[in-house]
Amino acid sequence: MEFQQGSDAFDAGTCVAASLSTVTLGQLEPMLRRFLCGQQLFVKQSDGTYRPKGCQLGLARSFQFGELTRPALSHT
């Protein structure tokens, strides 16, 4: 079951399925763009930012909720 979320009401530790905005994606290194393009799973951190789930290359960078496109709750 998935639902669309208009604002960030997710709790820390929640896993969401989303894509990065094209602006954010364009600011990343070319190698990271290949790994983080398209829909990914992101985990909300206790500081309110999101980190890619299972992508070690992306873990050095966290993202704001506004940088995620169409986040939906994921049950994985």
C-alpha atoms as a PDB file:
ATOM      1  CA  MET A   1       0.000   0.000   0.000  1.00  0.00           C
ATOM      2  CA  GLU A   2       1.375   3.402  -0.974  1.00  0.00           C
ATOM      3  CA  PHE A   3       0.041   6.892  -0.442  1.00  0.00           C
ATOM      4  CA  GLN A   4       1.188  10.276  -1.668  1.00  0.00           C
ATOM      5  CA  GLN A   5       2.368  12.729   0.937  1.00  0.00           C
ATOM      6  CA  GLY A   6       2.065  16.490   0.349  1.00  0.00           C
ATOM      7  CA  SER A   7       4.209  17.536   3.285  1.00  0.00           C
ATOM      8  CA  ASP A   8       6.827  15.856   5.402  1.00  0.00           C
ATOM      9  CA  ALA A   9       4.896  14.089   8.145  1.00  0.00           C
ATOM     10  CA  PHE A  10       7.072  10.966   8.127  1.00  0.00           C
ATOM     11  CA  ASP A  11       8.750   9.754  11.315  1.00  0.00           C
ATOM     12  CA  ALA A  12      12.497   9.161  11.598  1.00  0.00           C
ATOM     13  CA  GLY A  13      13.359   5.697  10.316  1.00  0.00           C
ATOM     14  CA  THR A  14      10.529   5.713   7.771  1.00  0.00           C
ATOM     15  CA  CYS A  15      11.463   4.407   4.335  1.00  0.00           C
ATOM     16  CA  VAL A  16       9.974   6.290   1.373  1.00  0.00           C
ATOM     17  CA  ALA A  17      10.127   5.623  -2.357  1.00  0.00           C
ATOM     18  CA  ALA A  18      10.972   8.786  -4.306  1.00  0.00           C
ATOM     19  CA  SER A  19      13.064  10.280  -7.073  1.00  0.00           C
ATOM     20  CA  LEU A  20      15.477  13.156  -6.650  1.00  0.00           C
ATOM     21  CA  SER A  21      14.490  16.420  -8.323  1.00  0.00           C
ATOM     22  CA  THR A  22      16.284  17.142 -11.591  1.00  0.00           C
ATOM     23  CA  VAL A  23      17.956  20.200 -10.024  1.00  0.00           C
ATOM     24  CA  THR A  24      19.397  18.138  -7.165  1.00  0.00           C
ATOM     25  CA  LEU A  25      20.383  15.295  -9.482  1.00  0.00           C
ATOM     26  CA  GLY A  26      22.229  17.752 -11.736  1.00  0.00           C
ATOM     27  CA  GLN A  27      24.349  18.944  -8.793  1.00  0.00           C
ATOM     28  CA  LEU A  28      25.700  15.460  -8.059  1.00  0.00           C
ATOM     29  CA  GLU A  29      28.876  13.882  -9.399  1.00  0.00           C
ATOM     30  CA  PRO A  30      28.251  11.974 -12.664  1.00  0.00           C
ATOM     31  CA  MET A  31      28.809   8.595 -10.982  1.00  0.00           C
ATOM     32  CA  LEU A  32      26.308   9.404  -8.230  1.00  0.00           C
ATOM     33  CA  ARG A  33      23.770  10.541 -10.829  1.00  0.00           C
ATOM     34  CA  ARG A  34      23.821   7.078 -12.390  1.00  0.00           C
ATOM     35  CA  PHE A  35      23.247   5.393  -9.032  1.00  0.00           C
ATOM     36  CA  LEU A  36      20.613   7.809  -7.739  1.00  0.00           C
ATOM     37  CA  CYS A  37      18.565   8.543 -10.854  1.00  0.00           C
ATOM     38  CA  GLY A  38      15.059   7.111 -11.057  1.00  0.00           C
ATOM     39  CA  GLN A  39      13.027   5.961  -8.104  1.00  0.00           C
ATOM     40  CA  GLN A  40      15.039   5.079  -5.002  1.00  0.00           C
ATOM     41  CA  LEU A  41      14.341   4.208  -1.398  1.00  0.00           C
ATOM     42  CA  PHE A  42      15.219   6.938   1.108  1.00  0.00           C
ATOM     43  CA  VAL A  43      15.254   6.660   4.907  1.00  0.00           C
ATOM     44  CA  LYS A  44      14.345   9.651   7.052  1.00  0.00           C
ATOM     45  CA  GLN A  45      17.071  10.487   9.563  1.00  0.00           C
ATOM     46  CA  SER A  46      16.539  11.852  13.069  1.00  0.00           C
ATOM     47  CA  ASP A  47      17.670  15.321  11.894  1.00  0.00           C
ATOM     48  CA  GLY A  48      14.839  15.403   9.309  1.00  0.00           C
ATOM     49  CA  THR A  49      16.991  14.772   6.240  1.00  0.00           C
ATOM     50  CA  TYR A  50      16.779  11.736   3.954  1.00  0.00           C
ATOM     51  CA  ARG A  51      19.544   9.346   2.959  1.00  0.00           C
ATOM     52  CA  PRO A  52      19.482   6.785   0.160  1.00  0.00           C
ATOM     53  CA  LYS A  53      18.829   3.277   1.484  1.00  0.00           C
ATOM     54  CA  GLY A  54      21.413   0.706   0.426  1.00  0.00           C
ATOM     55  CA  CYS A  55      23.552   3.006  -1.729  1.00  0.00           C
ATOM     56  CA  GLN A  56      26.912   3.382   0.005  1.00  0.00           C
ATOM     57  CA  LEU A  57      28.064   5.994  -2.518  1.00  0.00           C
ATOM     58  CA  GLY A  58      25.120   8.242  -1.660  1.00  0.00           C
ATOM     59  CA  LEU A  59      25.471   8.017   2.098  1.00  0.00           C
ATOM     60  CA  ALA A  60      27.905  10.930   2.281  1.00  0.00           C
ATOM     61  CA  ARG A  61      25.075  13.240   1.209  1.00  0.00           C
ATOM     62  CA  SER A  62      21.654  13.678   2.750  1.00  0.00           C
ATOM     63  CA  PHE A  63      18.695  15.333   1.061  1.00  0.00           C
ATOM     64  CA  GLN A  64      15.891  17.622   2.162  1.00  0.00           C
ATOM     65  CA  PHE A  65      12.256  16.586   1.770  1.00  0.00           C
ATOM     66  CA  GLY A  66      11.815  19.240  -0.950  1.00  0.00           C
ATOM     67  CA  GLU A  67      14.496  17.551  -3.059  1.00  0.00           C
ATOM     68  CA  LEU A  68      12.427  14.346  -3.242  1.00  0.00           C
ATOM     69  CA  THR A  69       9.848  14.020  -5.984  1.00  0.00           C
ATOM     70  CA  ARG A  70       6.535  12.356  -5.102  1.00  0.00           C
ATOM     71  CA  PRO A  71       7.621  10.549  -1.922  1.00  0.00           C
ATOM     72  CA  ALA A  72       5.369   7.635  -0.996  1.00  0.00           C
ATOM     73  CA  LEU A  73       5.524   5.301   1.978  1.00  0.00           C
ATOM     74  CA  SER A  74       7.372   2.078   1.216  1.00  0.00           C
ATOM     75  CA  HIS A  75       6.831  -1.173   3.072  1.00  0.00           C
ATOM     76  CA  THR A  76      10.211  -2.721   2.237  1.00  0.00           C
END
